Protein backbone atom coordinates (compact mmCIF):
# COMPACT_ATOMS: atom_id res chain seq x y z
CA UNK A 1 -21.05 27.02 -14.83
CA UNK A 2 -17.48 27.44 -12.67
CA UNK A 3 -14.47 26.60 -13.34
CA UNK A 4 -12.87 25.63 -10.63
CA UNK A 5 -8.54 24.85 -10.24
CA UNK A 6 -7.64 21.90 -8.59
CA UNK A 7 -5.23 21.24 -5.40
CA UNK A 8 -3.53 18.09 -5.67
CA UNK A 9 -6.00 16.93 -2.24
CA UNK A 10 -8.09 16.65 -5.43
CA UNK A 11 -6.52 13.96 -6.76
CA UNK A 12 -5.51 10.17 -5.75
CA UNK A 13 -2.43 8.95 -6.76
CA UNK A 14 -1.14 4.96 -6.66
CA UNK A 15 1.47 3.03 -8.20
CA UNK A 16 -0.36 -0.15 -7.95
CA UNK A 17 -1.79 -2.19 -10.96
CA UNK A 18 -4.60 -4.48 -8.78
CA UNK A 19 -5.76 -0.85 -7.31
CA UNK A 20 -5.96 1.26 -9.90
CA UNK A 21 -7.81 -1.66 -11.82
CA UNK A 22 -10.44 -2.28 -8.72
CA UNK A 23 -10.88 1.59 -8.97
CA UNK A 24 -11.04 2.48 -12.22
CA UNK A 25 -14.10 -0.13 -12.35
CA UNK A 26 -15.93 3.16 -10.90
CA UNK A 27 -14.19 6.32 -11.11
CA UNK A 28 -12.08 6.94 -14.13
CA UNK A 29 -8.13 7.14 -14.85
CA UNK A 30 -7.84 11.25 -15.25
CA UNK A 31 -4.13 10.73 -16.07
CA UNK A 32 -0.81 7.95 -16.26
CA UNK A 33 2.01 9.68 -14.74
CA UNK A 34 5.03 8.13 -16.75
CA UNK A 35 7.72 10.02 -15.59
CA UNK A 36 9.32 7.74 -13.70
CA UNK A 37 10.62 5.70 -16.13
CA UNK A 38 10.82 2.82 -13.49
CA UNK A 39 6.98 2.51 -11.89
CA UNK A 40 4.09 4.90 -13.45
CA UNK A 41 0.86 6.84 -10.79
CA UNK A 42 -2.60 6.30 -12.00
CA UNK A 43 -4.24 9.98 -11.01
CA UNK A 44 -7.89 9.77 -10.23
CA UNK A 45 -9.78 12.49 -8.80
CA UNK A 46 -10.76 12.38 -6.05
CA UNK A 47 -15.03 12.29 -5.77
CA UNK A 48 -17.02 11.05 -2.90
CA UNK A 49 -17.11 7.55 -2.33
CA UNK A 50 -12.83 6.93 -3.73
CA UNK A 51 -11.64 7.03 0.09
CA UNK A 52 -14.48 4.35 1.11
CA UNK A 53 -13.31 2.24 -1.60
CA UNK A 54 -10.08 2.59 -1.35
CA UNK A 55 -10.27 1.07 2.71
CA UNK A 56 -13.00 -1.42 0.67
CA UNK A 57 -9.80 -2.89 -1.43
CA UNK A 58 -7.35 -2.83 1.60
CA UNK A 59 -9.35 -4.77 4.09
CA UNK A 60 -10.43 -7.08 1.47
CA UNK A 61 -14.76 -6.26 1.09
CA UNK A 62 -14.92 -5.04 -2.07
CA UNK A 63 -17.07 -8.04 -4.76
CA UNK A 64 -16.63 -7.49 -8.27
CA UNK A 65 -17.02 -9.86 -11.22
CA UNK A 66 -14.07 -11.61 -11.95
CA UNK A 67 -14.75 -11.09 -14.99
CA UNK A 68 -15.45 -7.27 -15.14
CA UNK A 69 -12.24 -7.37 -12.67
CA UNK A 70 -10.19 -9.04 -15.54
CA UNK A 71 -11.03 -7.57 -18.71
CA UNK A 72 -10.14 -4.25 -16.99
CA UNK A 73 -6.94 -4.57 -16.05
CA UNK A 74 -6.21 -6.04 -19.47
CA UNK A 75 -7.54 -1.82 -20.40
CA UNK A 76 -5.10 -0.40 -18.08
CA UNK A 77 -1.87 -2.29 -19.07
CA UNK A 78 -2.73 -1.91 -22.91
CA UNK A 79 -2.94 2.04 -21.84
CA UNK A 80 -0.02 1.78 -19.92
CA UNK A 81 2.17 0.34 -22.31
CA UNK A 82 1.09 2.72 -25.12
């Protein structure tokens, strides 16, 4: 097992709640940066497929279960306010 140091390029961060909910259906949230009291950033480890997923979101091409998305959104909001 090798220990790899991660750089900033190895992460993707967004403050867009809708995008974070969509991404987190496939990729786990690594952390939530709350250093700015007005805007939290959701941080994901950049893995294969993440950039394509983000592009699909902005192109309105993602297909997700509405119930799964809604539940994920509620879960993220709970995490955000804890």
